[in-house]
PDB file of N, CA and C in Angstrom:
ATOM      1  N   UNK A   1      55.283 -50.237 -19.219  1.00  0.00           N
ATOM      2  CA  UNK A   1      54.090 -49.489 -19.598  1.00  0.00           C
ATOM      3  C   UNK A   1      53.693 -49.888 -21.019  1.00  0.00           C
ATOM      4  N   UNK A   2      52.405 -49.900 -21.217  1.00  0.00           N
ATOM      5  CA  UNK A   2      51.883 -50.302 -22.516  1.00  0.00           C
ATOM      6  C   UNK A   2      51.434 -49.080 -23.307  1.00  0.00           C
ATOM      7  N   UNK A   3      51.089 -49.318 -24.537  1.00  0.00           N
ATOM      8  CA  UNK A   3      50.658 -48.238 -25.428  1.00  0.00           C
ATOM      9  C   UNK A   3      49.431 -47.518 -24.889  1.00  0.00           C
ATOM     10  N   UNK A   4      48.491 -48.256 -24.306  1.00  0.00           N
ATOM     11  CA  UNK A   4      47.275 -47.639 -23.762  1.00  0.00           C
ATOM     12  C   UNK A   4      47.580 -46.734 -22.569  1.00  0.00           C
ATOM     13  N   UNK A   5      48.604 -47.087 -21.809  1.00  0.00           N
ATOM     14  CA  UNK A   5      49.011 -46.242 -20.686  1.00  0.00           C
ATOM     15  C   UNK A   5      49.510 -44.884 -21.183  1.00  0.00           C
ATOM     16  N   UNK A   6      50.311 -44.904 -22.229  1.00  0.00           N
ATOM     17  CA  UNK A   6      50.819 -43.646 -22.790  1.00  0.00           C
ATOM     18  C   UNK A   6      49.683 -42.805 -23.369  1.00  0.00           C
ATOM     19  N   UNK A   7      48.725 -43.451 -23.999  1.00  0.00           N
ATOM     20  CA  UNK A   7      47.564 -42.724 -24.545  1.00  0.00           C
ATOM     21  C   UNK A   7      46.778 -42.080 -23.412  1.00  0.00           C
ATOM     22  N   UNK A   8      46.539 -42.811 -22.333  1.00  0.00           N
ATOM     23  CA  UNK A   8      45.807 -42.276 -21.185  1.00  0.00           C
ATOM     24  C   UNK A   8      46.546 -41.088 -20.567  1.00  0.00           C
ATOM     25  N   UNK A   9      47.839 -41.210 -20.392  1.00  0.00           N
ATOM     26  CA  UNK A   9      48.642 -40.105 -19.844  1.00  0.00           C
ATOM     27  C   UNK A   9      48.572 -38.895 -20.765  1.00  0.00           C
ATOM     28  N   UNK A  10      48.661 -39.117 -22.069  1.00  0.00           N
ATOM     29  CA  UNK A  10      48.578 -38.015 -23.029  1.00  0.00           C
ATOM     30  C   UNK A  10      47.240 -37.303 -22.975  1.00  0.00           C
ATOM     31  N   UNK A  11      46.153 -38.058 -22.849  1.00  0.00           N
ATOM     32  CA  UNK A  11      44.810 -37.464 -22.760  1.00  0.00           C
ATOM     33  C   UNK A  11      44.684 -36.643 -21.488  1.00  0.00           C
ATOM     34  N   UNK A  12      45.174 -37.157 -20.380  1.00  0.00           N
ATOM     35  CA  UNK A  12      45.094 -36.427 -19.109  1.00  0.00           C
ATOM     36  C   UNK A  12      45.905 -35.136 -19.169  1.00  0.00           C
ATOM     37  N   UNK A  13      47.090 -35.188 -19.724  1.00  0.00           N
ATOM     38  CA  UNK A  13      47.930 -33.990 -19.853  1.00  0.00           C
ATOM     39  C   UNK A  13      47.264 -32.973 -20.778  1.00  0.00           C
ATOM     40  N   UNK A  14      46.698 -33.422 -21.881  1.00  0.00           N
ATOM     41  CA  UNK A  14      46.020 -32.516 -22.814  1.00  0.00           C
ATOM     42  C   UNK A  14      44.822 -31.849 -22.141  1.00  0.00           C
ATOM     43  N   UNK A  15      44.036 -32.609 -21.382  1.00  0.00           N
ATOM     44  CA  UNK A  15      42.899 -32.025 -20.659  1.00  0.00           C
ATOM     45  C   UNK A  15      43.358 -30.993 -19.640  1.00  0.00           C
ATOM     46  N   UNK A  16      44.429 -31.301 -18.925  1.00  0.00           N
ATOM     47  CA  UNK A  16      44.951 -30.363 -17.930  1.00  0.00           C
ATOM     48  C   UNK A  16      45.393 -29.061 -18.601  1.00  0.00           C
ATOM     49  N   UNK A  17      46.043 -29.156 -19.748  1.00  0.00           N
ATOM     50  CA  UNK A  17      46.484 -27.956 -20.465  1.00  0.00           C
ATOM     51  C   UNK A  17      45.299 -27.123 -20.959  1.00  0.00           C
ATOM     52  N   UNK A  18      44.275 -27.788 -21.468  1.00  0.00           N
ATOM     53  CA  UNK A  18      43.077 -27.077 -21.939  1.00  0.00           C
ATOM     54  C   UNK A  18      42.414 -26.353 -20.774  1.00  0.00           C
ATOM     55  N   UNK A  19      42.285 -27.021 -19.630  1.00  0.00           N
ATOM     56  CA  UNK A  19      41.679 -26.383 -18.458  1.00  0.00           C
ATOM     57  C   UNK A  19      42.518 -25.202 -17.970  1.00  0.00           C
ATOM     58  N   UNK A  20      43.823 -25.356 -17.966  1.00  0.00           N
ATOM     59  CA  UNK A  20      44.706 -24.265 -17.544  1.00  0.00           C
ATOM     60  C   UNK A  20      44.551 -23.055 -18.455  1.00  0.00           C
ATOM     61  N   UNK A  21      44.509 -23.277 -19.747  1.00  0.00           N
ATOM     62  CA  UNK A  21      44.335 -22.175 -20.707  1.00  0.00           C
ATOM     63  C   UNK A  21      42.986 -21.493 -20.493  1.00  0.00           C
ATOM     64  N   UNK A  22      41.933 -22.274 -20.277  1.00  0.00           N
ATOM     65  CA  UNK A  22      40.599 -21.695 -20.043  1.00  0.00           C
ATOM     66  C   UNK A  22      40.586 -20.824 -18.795  1.00  0.00           C
ATOM     67  N   UNK A  23      41.205 -21.298 -17.722  1.00  0.00           N
ATOM     68  CA  UNK A  23      41.237 -20.528 -16.478  1.00  0.00           C
ATOM     69  C   UNK A  23      42.018 -19.235 -16.679  1.00  0.00           C
ATOM     70  N   UNK A  24      43.167 -19.304 -17.326  1.00  0.00           N
ATOM     71  CA  UNK A  24      43.988 -18.108 -17.536  1.00  0.00           C
ATOM     72  C   UNK A  24      43.286 -17.083 -18.421  1.00  0.00           C
ATOM     73  N   UNK A  25      42.559 -17.541 -19.420  1.00  0.00           N
ATOM     74  CA  UNK A  25      41.872 -16.613 -20.327  1.00  0.00           C
ATOM     75  C   UNK A  25      40.645 -15.965 -19.697  1.00  0.00           C
ATOM     76  N   UNK A  26      40.043 -16.608 -18.704  1.00  0.00           N
ATOM     77  CA  UNK A  26      38.818 -16.065 -18.108  1.00  0.00           C
ATOM     78  C   UNK A  26      39.070 -15.269 -16.837  1.00  0.00           C
ATOM     79  N   UNK A  27      40.289 -15.268 -16.318  1.00  0.00           N
ATOM     80  CA  UNK A  27      40.576 -14.498 -15.106  1.00  0.00           C
ATOM     81  C   UNK A  27      40.509 -13.008 -15.390  1.00  0.00           C
ATOM     82  N   UNK A  28      39.961 -12.262 -14.426  1.00  0.00           N
ATOM     83  CA  UNK A  28      39.847 -10.811 -14.547  1.00  0.00           C
ATOM     84  C   UNK A  28      40.845 -10.129 -13.620  1.00  0.00           C
ATOM     85  N   UNK A  29      41.180  -8.902 -13.970  1.00  0.00           N
ATOM     86  CA  UNK A  29      42.032  -8.105 -13.094  1.00  0.00           C
ATOM     87  C   UNK A  29      41.256  -7.763 -11.828  1.00  0.00           C
ATOM     88  N   UNK A  30      41.904  -7.844 -10.706  1.00  0.00           N
ATOM     89  CA  UNK A  30      41.272  -7.528  -9.436  1.00  0.00           C
ATOM     90  C   UNK A  30      41.252  -6.036  -9.178  1.00  0.00           C
ATOM     91  N   UNK A  31      40.349  -5.624  -8.274  1.00  0.00           N
ATOM     92  CA  UNK A  31      40.233  -4.221  -7.901  1.00  0.00           C
ATOM     93  C   UNK A  31      40.698  -3.978  -6.472  1.00  0.00           C
ATOM     94  N   UNK A  32      40.571  -5.000  -5.623  1.00  0.00           N
ATOM     95  CA  UNK A  32      40.945  -4.818  -4.222  1.00  0.00           C
ATOM     96  C   UNK A  32      41.392  -6.145  -3.632  1.00  0.00           C
ATOM     97  N   UNK A  33      42.041  -6.062  -2.464  1.00  0.00           N
ATOM     98  CA  UNK A  33      42.385  -7.258  -1.706  1.00  0.00           C
ATOM     99  C   UNK A  33      41.695  -7.172  -0.354  1.00  0.00           C
ATOM    100  N   UNK A  34      41.249  -8.317   0.114  1.00  0.00           N
ATOM    101  CA  UNK A  34      40.628  -8.411   1.434  1.00  0.00           C
ATOM    102  C   UNK A  34      41.544  -9.242   2.315  1.00  0.00           C
ATOM    103  N   UNK A  35      41.874  -8.695   3.477  1.00  0.00           N
ATOM    104  CA  UNK A  35      42.749  -9.366   4.432  1.00  0.00           C
ATOM    105  C   UNK A  35      41.885  -9.968   5.536  1.00  0.00           C
ATOM    106  N   UNK A  36      42.078 -11.262   5.773  1.00  0.00           N
ATOM    107  CA  UNK A  36      41.371 -11.935   6.859  1.00  0.00           C
ATOM    108  C   UNK A  36      42.399 -12.570   7.783  1.00  0.00           C
ATOM    109  N   UNK A  37      42.135 -12.422   9.086  1.00  0.00           N
ATOM    110  CA  UNK A  37      42.971 -13.050  10.093  1.00  0.00           C
ATOM    111  C   UNK A  37      42.070 -13.951  10.925  1.00  0.00           C
ATOM    112  N   UNK A  38      42.419 -15.206  10.971  1.00  0.00           N
ATOM    113  CA  UNK A  38      41.629 -16.212  11.679  1.00  0.00           C
ATOM    114  C   UNK A  38      40.182 -16.227  11.175  1.00  0.00           C
ATOM    115  N   UNK A  39      40.010 -15.997   9.858  1.00  0.00           N
ATOM    116  CA  UNK A  39      38.699 -16.042   9.223  1.00  0.00           C
ATOM    117  C   UNK A  39      37.864 -14.786   9.375  1.00  0.00           C
ATOM    118  N   UNK A  40      38.385 -13.781  10.060  1.00  0.00           N
ATOM    119  CA  UNK A  40      37.658 -12.529  10.276  1.00  0.00           C
ATOM    120  C   UNK A  40      38.266 -11.443   9.398  1.00  0.00           C
ATOM    121  N   UNK A  41      37.413 -10.772   8.609  1.00  0.00           N
ATOM    122  CA  UNK A  41      37.888  -9.702   7.726  1.00  0.00           C
ATOM    123  C   UNK A  41      38.359  -8.519   8.562  1.00  0.00           C
ATOM    124  N   UNK A  42      39.615  -8.109   8.334  1.00  0.00           N
ATOM    125  CA  UNK A  42      40.179  -7.013   9.109  1.00  0.00           C
ATOM    126  C   UNK A  42      40.499  -5.783   8.264  1.00  0.00           C
ATOM    127  N   UNK A  43      40.636  -5.960   6.951  1.00  0.00           N
ATOM    128  CA  UNK A  43      40.972  -4.809   6.110  1.00  0.00           C
ATOM    129  C   UNK A  43      40.670  -5.101   4.653  1.00  0.00           C
ATOM    130  N   UNK A  44      40.408  -4.013   3.909  1.00  0.00           N
ATOM    131  CA  UNK A  44      40.248  -4.060   2.463  1.00  0.00           C
ATOM    132  C   UNK A  44      41.096  -2.945   1.876  1.00  0.00           C
ATOM    133  N   UNK A  45      41.927  -3.283   0.896  1.00  0.00           N
ATOM    134  CA  UNK A  45      42.791  -2.289   0.275  1.00  0.00           C
ATOM    135  C   UNK A  45      42.616  -2.326  -1.243  1.00  0.00           C
ATOM    136  N   UNK A  46      42.632  -1.151  -1.851  1.00  0.00           N
ATOM    137  CA  UNK A  46      42.529  -1.041  -3.302  1.00  0.00           C
ATOM    138  C   UNK A  46      43.858  -1.426  -3.942  1.00  0.00           C
ATOM    139  N   UNK A  47      43.788  -2.134  -5.057  1.00  0.00           N
ATOM    140  CA  UNK A  47      45.005  -2.456  -5.799  1.00  0.00           C
ATOM    141  C   UNK A  47      45.500  -1.272  -6.624  1.00  0.00           C
ATOM    142  N   UNK A  48      44.704  -0.215  -6.690  1.00  0.00           N
ATOM    143  CA  UNK A  48      45.083   0.977  -7.452  1.00  0.00           C
ATOM    144  C   UNK A  48      45.859   1.992  -6.624  1.00  0.00           C
ATOM    145  N   UNK A  49      45.978   1.740  -5.322  1.00  0.00           N
ATOM    146  CA  UNK A  49      46.672   2.673  -4.431  1.00  0.00           C
ATOM    147  C   UNK A  49      47.897   1.957  -3.852  1.00  0.00           C
ATOM    148  N   UNK A  50      49.081   2.447  -4.190  1.00  0.00           N
ATOM    149  CA  UNK A  50      50.303   1.851  -3.666  1.00  0.00           C
ATOM    150  C   UNK A  50      50.399   2.099  -2.166  1.00  0.00           C
ATOM    151  N   UNK A  51      50.898   1.109  -1.443  1.00  0.00           N
ATOM    152  CA  UNK A  51      51.043   1.278  -0.006  1.00  0.00           C
ATOM    153  C   UNK A  51      51.718   0.086   0.638  1.00  0.00           C
ATOM    154  N   UNK A  52      52.154   0.301   1.877  1.00  0.00           N
ATOM    155  CA  UNK A  52      52.749  -0.748   2.696  1.00  0.00           C
ATOM    156  C   UNK A  52      51.928  -0.832   3.973  1.00  0.00           C
ATOM    157  N   UNK A  53      51.484  -2.043   4.314  1.00  0.00           N
ATOM    158  CA  UNK A  53      50.577  -2.227   5.438  1.00  0.00           C
ATOM    159  C   UNK A  53      51.116  -3.314   6.364  1.00  0.00           C
ATOM    160  N   UNK A  54      51.227  -2.979   7.644  1.00  0.00           N
ATOM    161  CA  UNK A  54      51.634  -3.938   8.657  1.00  0.00           C
ATOM    162  C   UNK A  54      50.388  -4.666   9.137  1.00  0.00           C
ATOM    163  N   UNK A  55      50.425  -5.985   9.090  1.00  0.00           N
ATOM    164  CA  UNK A  55      49.257  -6.794   9.421  1.00  0.00           C
ATOM    165  C   UNK A  55      49.518  -7.676  10.631  1.00  0.00           C
ATOM    166  N   UNK A  56      48.450  -8.042  11.288  1.00  0.00           N
ATOM    167  CA  UNK A  56      48.491  -9.050  12.342  1.00  0.00           C
ATOM    168  C   UNK A  56      49.485  -8.681  13.443  1.00  0.00           C
ATOM    169  N   UNK A  57      49.452  -7.427  13.861  1.00  0.00           N
ATOM    170  CA  UNK A  57      50.339  -6.980  14.929  1.00  0.00           C
ATOM    171  C   UNK A  57      51.800  -6.952  14.549  1.00  0.00           C
ATOM    172  N   UNK A  58      52.089  -6.836  13.267  1.00  0.00           N
ATOM    173  CA  UNK A  58      53.468  -6.747  12.802  1.00  0.00           C
ATOM    174  C   UNK A  58      54.062  -8.063  12.336  1.00  0.00           C
ATOM    175  N   UNK A  59      53.262  -9.139  12.337  1.00  0.00           N
ATOM    176  CA  UNK A  59      53.811 -10.431  11.911  1.00  0.00           C
ATOM    177  C   UNK A  59      53.966 -10.533  10.401  1.00  0.00           C
ATOM    178  N   UNK A  60      53.189  -9.749   9.643  1.00  0.00           N
ATOM    179  CA  UNK A  60      53.255  -9.776   8.186  1.00  0.00           C
ATOM    180  C   UNK A  60      53.244  -8.353   7.651  1.00  0.00           C
ATOM    181  N   UNK A  61      53.901  -8.144   6.511  1.00  0.00           N
ATOM    182  CA  UNK A  61      53.896  -6.848   5.837  1.00  0.00           C
ATOM    183  C   UNK A  61      53.372  -7.056   4.422  1.00  0.00           C
ATOM    184  N   UNK A  62      52.247  -6.391   4.116  1.00  0.00           N
ATOM    185  CA  UNK A  62      51.619  -6.448   2.796  1.00  0.00           C
ATOM    186  C   UNK A  62      52.027  -5.221   2.004  1.00  0.00           C
ATOM    187  N   UNK A  63      52.474  -5.443   0.775  1.00  0.00           N
ATOM    188  CA  UNK A  63      52.823  -4.334  -0.113  1.00  0.00           C
ATOM    189  C   UNK A  63      51.906  -4.391  -1.324  1.00  0.00           C
ATOM    190  N   UNK A  64      51.333  -3.235  -1.648  1.00  0.00           N
ATOM    191  CA  UNK A  64      50.549  -3.096  -2.867  1.00  0.00           C
ATOM    192  C   UNK A  64      51.278  -2.085  -3.736  1.00  0.00           C
ATOM    193  N   UNK A  65      51.646  -2.533  -4.937  1.00  0.00           N
ATOM    194  CA  UNK A  65      52.410  -1.669  -5.834  1.00  0.00           C
ATOM    195  C   UNK A  65      52.065  -2.009  -7.276  1.00  0.00           C
ATOM    196  N   UNK A  66      51.727  -1.006  -8.042  1.00  0.00           N
ATOM    197  CA  UNK A  66      51.457  -1.143  -9.480  1.00  0.00           C
ATOM    198  C   UNK A  66      50.393  -2.194  -9.792  1.00  0.00           C
ATOM    199  N   UNK A  67      49.371  -2.282  -8.945  1.00  0.00           N
ATOM    200  CA  UNK A  67      48.271  -3.209  -9.184  1.00  0.00           C
ATOM    201  C   UNK A  67      48.513  -4.626  -8.708  1.00  0.00           C
ATOM    202  N   UNK A  68      49.604  -4.867  -8.032  1.00  0.00           N
ATOM    203  CA  UNK A  68      49.927  -6.189  -7.497  1.00  0.00           C
ATOM    204  C   UNK A  68      50.018  -6.117  -5.984  1.00  0.00           C
ATOM    205  N   UNK A  69      49.670  -7.212  -5.318  1.00  0.00           N
ATOM    206  CA  UNK A  69      49.799  -7.312  -3.866  1.00  0.00           C
ATOM    207  C   UNK A  69      50.709  -8.496  -3.544  1.00  0.00           C
ATOM    208  N   UNK A  70      51.546  -8.327  -2.529  1.00  0.00           N
ATOM    209  CA  UNK A  70      52.406  -9.420  -2.092  1.00  0.00           C
ATOM    210  C   UNK A  70      52.844  -9.188  -0.661  1.00  0.00           C
ATOM    211  N   UNK A  71      53.214 -10.263   0.008  1.00  0.00           N
ATOM    212  CA  UNK A  71      53.748 -10.165   1.354  1.00  0.00           C
ATOM    213  C   UNK A  71      55.268 -10.092   1.256  1.00  0.00           C
ATOM    214  N   UNK A  72      55.842  -9.055   1.838  1.00  0.00           N
ATOM    215  CA  UNK A  72      57.292  -8.884   1.758  1.00  0.00           C
ATOM    216  C   UNK A  72      58.008  -9.437   2.982  1.00  0.00           C
ATOM    217  N   UNK A  73      57.290  -9.521   4.110  1.00  0.00           N
ATOM    218  CA  UNK A  73      57.907 -10.006   5.341  1.00  0.00           C
ATOM    219  C   UNK A  73      56.896 -10.831   6.122  1.00  0.00           C
ATOM    220  N   UNK A  74      57.408 -11.809   6.846  1.00  0.00           N
ATOM    221  CA  UNK A  74      56.579 -12.611   7.738  1.00  0.00           C
ATOM    222  C   UNK A  74      57.482 -13.215   8.801  1.00  0.00           C
ATOM    223  N   UNK A  75      56.923 -13.439   9.989  1.00  0.00           N
ATOM    224  CA  UNK A  75      57.732 -14.026  11.044  1.00  0.00           C
ATOM    225  C   UNK A  75      57.517 -15.539  11.177  1.00  0.00           C
ATOM    226  N   UNK A  76      56.828 -16.125  10.212  1.00  0.00           N
ATOM    227  CA  UNK A  76      56.603 -17.571  10.239  1.00  0.00           C
ATOM    228  C   UNK A  76      57.906 -18.297   9.878  1.00  0.00           C
ATOM    229  N   UNK A  77      58.047 -19.556  10.299  1.00  0.00           N
ATOM    230  CA  UNK A  77      59.331 -20.245  10.090  1.00  0.00           C
ATOM    231  C   UNK A  77      59.655 -20.594   8.637  1.00  0.00           C
ATOM    232  N   UNK A  78      58.651 -20.854   7.798  1.00  0.00           N
ATOM    233  CA  UNK A  78      58.937 -21.307   6.440  1.00  0.00           C
ATOM    234  C   UNK A  78      58.863 -20.215   5.374  1.00  0.00           C
ATOM    235  N   UNK A  79      58.244 -19.086   5.660  1.00  0.00           N
ATOM    236  CA  UNK A  79      58.108 -17.951   4.748  1.00  0.00           C
ATOM    237  C   UNK A  79      57.451 -18.317   3.412  1.00  0.00           C
ATOM    238  N   UNK A  80      56.587 -19.333   3.419  1.00  0.00           N
ATOM    239  CA  UNK A  80      55.906 -19.718   2.179  1.00  0.00           C
ATOM    240  C   UNK A  80      55.001 -18.611   1.669  1.00  0.00           C
ATOM    241  N   UNK A  81      54.416 -17.841   2.567  1.00  0.00           N
ATOM    242  CA  UNK A  81      53.541 -16.746   2.145  1.00  0.00           C
ATOM    243  C   UNK A  81      54.319 -15.681   1.374  1.00  0.00           C
ATOM    244  N   UNK A  82      55.545 -15.442   1.751  1.00  0.00           N
ATOM    245  CA  UNK A  82      56.389 -14.476   1.044  1.00  0.00           C
ATOM    246  C   UNK A  82      56.794 -15.033  -0.320  1.00  0.00           C
ATOM    247  N   UNK A  83      57.032 -16.334  -0.376  1.00  0.00           N
ATOM    248  CA  UNK A  83      57.465 -16.985  -1.613  1.00  0.00           C
ATOM    249  C   UNK A  83      56.341 -17.158  -2.624  1.00  0.00           C
ATOM    250  N   UNK A  84      55.071 -16.963  -2.205  1.00  0.00           N
ATOM    251  CA  UNK A  84      53.951 -17.135  -3.133  1.00  0.00           C
ATOM    252  C   UNK A  84      53.933 -16.069  -4.219  1.00  0.00           C
ATOM    253  N   UNK A  85      54.603 -14.971  -4.002  1.00  0.00           N
ATOM    254  CA  UNK A  85      54.742 -13.962  -5.041  1.00  0.00           C
ATOM    255  C   UNK A  85      53.592 -12.980  -5.119  1.00  0.00           C
ATOM    256  N   UNK A  86      53.509 -12.292  -6.256  1.00  0.00           N
ATOM    257  CA  UNK A  86      52.549 -11.218  -6.460  1.00  0.00           C
ATOM    258  C   UNK A  86      51.229 -11.765  -7.001  1.00  0.00           C
ATOM    259  N   UNK A  87      50.126 -11.161  -6.529  1.00  0.00           N
ATOM    260  CA  UNK A  87      48.797 -11.539  -7.008  1.00  0.00           C
ATOM    261  C   UNK A  87      48.065 -10.297  -7.498  1.00  0.00           C
ATOM    262  N   UNK A  88      47.211 -10.483  -8.533  1.00  0.00           N
ATOM    263  CA  UNK A  88      46.444  -9.350  -9.054  1.00  0.00           C
ATOM    264  C   UNK A  88      45.140  -9.779  -9.722  1.00  0.00           C
ATOM    265  N   UNK A  89      44.931 -11.063  -9.926  1.00  0.00           N
ATOM    266  CA  UNK A  89      43.735 -11.565 -10.620  1.00  0.00           C
ATOM    267  C   UNK A  89      42.695 -12.012  -9.596  1.00  0.00           C
ATOM    268  N   UNK A  90      41.410 -11.856  -9.949  1.00  0.00           N
ATOM    269  CA  UNK A  90      40.341 -12.231  -9.031  1.00  0.00           C
ATOM    270  C   UNK A  90      40.463 -13.706  -8.650  1.00  0.00           C
ATOM    271  N   UNK A  91      40.285 -13.955  -7.373  1.00  0.00           N
ATOM    272  CA  UNK A  91      40.350 -15.312  -6.861  1.00  0.00           C
ATOM    273  C   UNK A  91      41.708 -15.753  -6.377  1.00  0.00           C
ATOM    274  N   UNK A  92      42.764 -15.032  -6.699  1.00  0.00           N
ATOM    275  CA  UNK A  92      44.095 -15.418  -6.233  1.00  0.00           C
ATOM    276  C   UNK A  92      44.215 -15.125  -4.737  1.00  0.00           C
ATOM    277  N   UNK A  93      44.934 -15.990  -4.031  1.00  0.00           N
ATOM    278  CA  UNK A  93      45.034 -15.890  -2.583  1.00  0.00           C
ATOM    279  C   UNK A  93      46.475 -16.112  -2.140  1.00  0.00           C
ATOM    280  N   UNK A  94      46.902 -15.337  -1.156  1.00  0.00           N
ATOM    281  CA  UNK A  94      48.144 -15.595  -0.431  1.00  0.00           C
ATOM    282  C   UNK A  94      47.718 -16.040   0.964  1.00  0.00           C
ATOM    283  N   UNK A  95      48.292 -17.142   1.436  1.00  0.00           N
ATOM    284  CA  UNK A  95      47.927 -17.680   2.738  1.00  0.00           C
ATOM    285  C   UNK A  95      49.163 -17.854   3.600  1.00  0.00           C
ATOM    286  N   UNK A  96      49.071 -17.397   4.842  1.00  0.00           N
ATOM    287  CA  UNK A  96      50.110 -17.641   5.843  1.00  0.00           C
ATOM    288  C   UNK A  96      49.459 -18.466   6.949  1.00  0.00           C
ATOM    289  N   UNK A  97      49.648 -19.770   6.896  1.00  0.00           N
ATOM    290  CA  UNK A  97      48.984 -20.662   7.848  1.00  0.00           C
ATOM    291  C   UNK A  97      49.422 -20.443   9.292  1.00  0.00           C
ATOM    292  N   UNK A  98      50.719 -20.301   9.589  1.00  0.00           N
ATOM    293  CA  UNK A  98      51.099 -20.115  10.994  1.00  0.00           C
ATOM    294  C   UNK A  98      50.474 -18.860  11.616  1.00  0.00           C
ATOM    295  N   UNK A  99      50.296 -17.805  10.820  1.00  0.00           N
ATOM    296  CA  UNK A  99      49.718 -16.562  11.337  1.00  0.00           C
ATOM    297  C   UNK A  99      48.221 -16.445  11.062  1.00  0.00           C
ATOM    298  N   UNK A 100      47.613 -17.488  10.470  1.00  0.00           N
ATOM    299  CA  UNK A 100      46.177 -17.540  10.178  1.00  0.00           C
ATOM    300  C   UNK A 100      45.719 -16.339   9.347  1.00  0.00           C
ATOM    301  N   UNK A 101      46.502 -15.985   8.338  1.00  0.00           N
ATOM    302  CA  UNK A 101      46.271 -14.800   7.513  1.00  0.00           C
ATOM    303  C   UNK A 101      46.000 -15.210   6.071  1.00  0.00           C
ATOM    304  N   UNK A 102      44.995 -14.564   5.447  1.00  0.00           N
ATOM    305  CA  UNK A 102      44.772 -14.728   4.015  1.00  0.00           C
ATOM    306  C   UNK A 102      44.606 -13.361   3.378  1.00  0.00           C
ATOM    307  N   UNK A 103      45.119 -13.238   2.171  1.00  0.00           N
ATOM    308  CA  UNK A 103      44.952 -12.033   1.353  1.00  0.00           C
ATOM    309  C   UNK A 103      44.337 -12.508   0.042  1.00  0.00           C
ATOM    310  N   UNK A 104      43.099 -12.061  -0.233  1.00  0.00           N
ATOM    311  CA  UNK A 104      42.352 -12.533  -1.405  1.00  0.00           C
ATOM    312  C   UNK A 104      42.044 -11.370  -2.330  1.00  0.00           C
ATOM    313  N   UNK A 105      42.219 -11.576  -3.640  1.00  0.00           N
ATOM    314  CA  UNK A 105      41.915 -10.545  -4.631  1.00  0.00           C
ATOM    315  C   UNK A 105      40.460 -10.678  -5.059  1.00  0.00           C
ATOM    316  N   UNK A 106      39.759  -9.550  -5.055  1.00  0.00           N
ATOM    317  CA  UNK A 106      38.375  -9.475  -5.506  1.00  0.00           C
ATOM    318  C   UNK A 106      38.281  -8.494  -6.661  1.00  0.00           C
ATOM    319  N   UNK A 107      37.176  -8.588  -7.407  1.00  0.00           N
ATOM    320  CA  UNK A 107      36.941  -7.684  -8.521  1.00  0.00           C
ATOM    321  C   UNK A 107      36.348  -6.375  -8.042  1.00  0.00           C
ATOM    322  N   UNK A 108      35.595  -5.710  -8.912  1.00  0.00           N
ATOM    323  CA  UNK A 108      35.005  -4.413  -8.597  1.00  0.00           C
ATOM    324  C   UNK A 108      34.126  -4.486  -7.351  1.00  0.00           C
ATOM    325  N   UNK A 109      33.429  -5.598  -7.189  1.00  0.00           N
ATOM    326  CA  UNK A 109      32.666  -5.826  -5.968  1.00  0.00           C
ATOM    327  C   UNK A 109      33.279  -7.001  -5.241  1.00  0.00           C
ATOM    328  N   UNK A 110      33.161  -7.019  -3.929  1.00  0.00           N
ATOM    329  CA  UNK A 110      33.818  -8.066  -3.157  1.00  0.00           C
ATOM    330  C   UNK A 110      33.330  -9.463  -3.503  1.00  0.00           C
ATOM    331  N   UNK A 111      32.127  -9.595  -3.998  1.00  0.00           N
ATOM    332  CA  UNK A 111      31.611 -10.907  -4.364  1.00  0.00           C
ATOM    333  C   UNK A 111      32.039 -11.327  -5.757  1.00  0.00           C
ATOM    334  N   UNK A 112      32.766 -10.469  -6.456  1.00  0.00           N
ATOM    335  CA  UNK A 112      33.185 -10.738  -7.841  1.00  0.00           C
ATOM    336  C   UNK A 112      34.475 -11.545  -7.843  1.00  0.00           C
ATOM    337  N   UNK A 113      34.378 -12.852  -7.568  1.00  0.00           N
ATOM    338  CA  UNK A 113      35.534 -13.727  -7.542  1.00  0.00           C
ATOM    339  C   UNK A 113      35.318 -14.834  -8.550  1.00  0.00           C
ATOM    340  N   UNK A 114      36.341 -15.133  -9.321  1.00  0.00           N
ATOM    341  CA  UNK A 114      36.292 -16.210 -10.286  1.00  0.00           C
ATOM    342  C   UNK A 114      36.440 -17.526  -9.549  1.00  0.00           C
ATOM    343  N   UNK A 115      35.346 -18.278  -9.389  1.00  0.00           N
ATOM    344  CA  UNK A 115      35.374 -19.499  -8.611  1.00  0.00           C
ATOM    345  C   UNK A 115      36.107 -20.631  -9.290  1.00  0.00           C
ATOM    346  N   UNK A 116      36.435 -20.499 -10.552  1.00  0.00           N
ATOM    347  CA  UNK A 116      37.167 -21.545 -11.258  1.00  0.00           C
ATOM    348  C   UNK A 116      38.571 -21.661 -10.705  1.00  0.00           C
ATOM    349  N   UNK A 117      39.177 -20.530 -10.392  1.00  0.00           N
ATOM    350  CA  UNK A 117      40.554 -20.569  -9.896  1.00  0.00           C
ATOM    351  C   UNK A 117      40.553 -20.919  -8.435  1.00  0.00           C
TER     352      UNK A 117
END
């Protein structure tokens, strides 16, 4: 590798860090989560109300606690949706591909999503 290669890599890394900081600083706290199964909206839950919700005929369990939403159980083989962790900022999404399920955080109004993230 030459000196110009290292400079190019450094510029790309610096740009990525600046963009990451901008996205993190502009994200807003979410107000609700919308659950969609196979692209069809099936439920909306407030992030201000703690609860446990069985989704998709029992294939997934959504927990909302202390302003965060996460999937605690799933019957999919890889459990990636459970491993995605807690979400609370507008635009964040948990996806379970085998069960065709998405959980998306929205702001005060359902259209209030930060499209940058």
